[in-house]
Protein backbone atom coordinates (compact mmCIF):
# COMPACT_ATOMS: atom_id res chain seq x y z
CA GLU A 1 76.27 98.52 80.06
CA LEU A 2 76.04 96.83 83.39
CA THR A 3 74.16 93.98 83.99
CA GLU A 4 72.30 92.13 87.39
CA GLY A 5 75.11 89.43 86.64
CA THR A 6 77.88 92.65 86.83
CA ILE A 7 75.52 94.70 89.99
CA TYR A 8 74.33 92.10 92.30
CA PRO A 9 77.49 90.67 93.21
CA ILE A 10 79.18 93.84 93.35
CA LEU A 11 76.51 94.55 96.40
CA ALA A 12 76.53 91.60 97.89
CA ARG A 13 79.61 92.20 98.55
CA LEU A 14 79.73 95.15 99.66
CA SER A 15 77.37 94.45 101.70
CA LYS A 16 79.69 91.37 103.27
CA GLU A 17 82.27 93.83 103.95
CA GLN A 18 79.72 96.43 105.66
CA LEU A 19 80.10 99.27 103.41
CA VAL A 20 76.89 98.83 102.51
CA THR A 21 73.46 97.91 104.13
CA SER A 22 70.61 97.14 102.52
CA GLU A 23 66.23 96.82 103.52
CA TRP A 24 63.22 96.15 101.56
CA VAL A 25 60.44 98.24 101.14
CA GLU A 26 56.92 97.99 99.72
CA SER A 27 56.39 99.16 96.00
CA LYS A 28 52.46 100.52 95.46
CA GLN A 29 53.74 99.63 91.79
CA GLY A 30 55.25 95.74 91.44
CA PRO A 31 56.90 94.02 93.66
CA PRO A 32 59.16 94.76 97.31
CA ARG A 33 61.99 97.13 96.22
CA LYS A 34 65.95 96.67 97.58
CA TYR A 35 67.47 100.23 98.30
CA TYR A 36 70.81 100.35 99.16
CA SER A 37 72.58 102.65 101.68
CA LEU A 38 76.34 103.68 102.30
CA THR A 39 77.32 102.94 105.81
CA PRO A 40 79.74 105.73 107.77
CA ASN A 41 82.66 103.05 107.19
CA GLY A 42 81.51 103.17 103.64
CA GLU A 43 81.28 106.48 103.11
CA LYS A 44 84.94 107.13 104.57
CA THR A 45 85.67 104.47 102.15
CA PHE A 46 84.09 106.50 99.34
CA LYS A 47 86.13 109.98 100.57
CA ILE A 48 89.28 108.10 100.26
CA LEU A 49 89.01 106.10 97.16
CA SER A 50 87.30 109.22 95.41
CA ALA A 51 90.45 111.08 96.47
CA GLU A 52 92.92 108.50 94.96
CA PHE A 53 90.98 108.08 91.96
CA GLU A 54 90.91 111.75 91.49
CA LYS A 55 95.36 111.80 92.07
CA LEU A 56 95.60 108.77 89.39
CA ALA A 57 93.02 110.37 86.47
CA THR A 58 95.66 113.12 86.60
CA MET A 59 98.09 111.56 86.48
CA VAL A 60 97.44 110.05 84.00
CA ALA A 61 96.11 112.93 82.18
CA ASN A 62 99.63 115.15 82.54
CA THR A 63 101.38 112.04 81.41
CA SER A 64 99.32 111.63 78.08
CA ARG A 65 99.93 115.05 77.38
CA LYS A 66 103.82 114.76 77.43
CA PRO A 67 106.29 113.51 75.22
CA LEU A 68 107.20 110.06 76.61
CA SER A 69 111.42 111.80 76.16
CA GLN A 70 109.30 114.31 78.96
CA ASN A 71 108.39 111.85 81.51
CA LYS A 72 111.15 111.42 83.45
CA ASN A 73 111.15 109.30 86.96
CA LYS A 74 111.28 112.66 88.14
CA ASP A 75 108.01 113.75 87.40
CA ARG A 76 106.60 110.45 88.83
CA LYS A 77 104.72 109.57 91.68
CA SER A 78 103.13 107.76 93.62
CA ILE A 79 99.77 106.68 94.90
CA ILE A 80 99.11 104.57 97.29
CA VAL A 81 95.91 101.77 97.61
CA LYS A 82 95.78 99.25 99.94
CA LYS A 83 92.69 96.72 101.45
CA GLU A 84 92.40 95.85 105.00
CA LYS A 85 92.87 92.38 105.56
CA ASP A 86 89.58 91.01 107.01
CA ASP A 87 89.80 88.75 110.18
CA ALA A 88 88.36 86.03 108.40
CA GLU A 89 90.77 85.62 105.31
């Protein structure tokens, strides 16, 4: 279960990295609510990471079905995951 203490720091980081935007919307029931949306760069990043995750999940599923003796180096595939550095770092 995800808590507010987990979600909001992640959303703040995504906002700082300009992957999401947020806006407050008045609610008829209770206080205003904050809605988050992916930016164009956030959509691009999501597509890239989703594809990489699918590759990783497939590799793990295929590896876990074979006995260890059959998992040779020739069967290994790799994925590249990199994070671009911010100019501020």
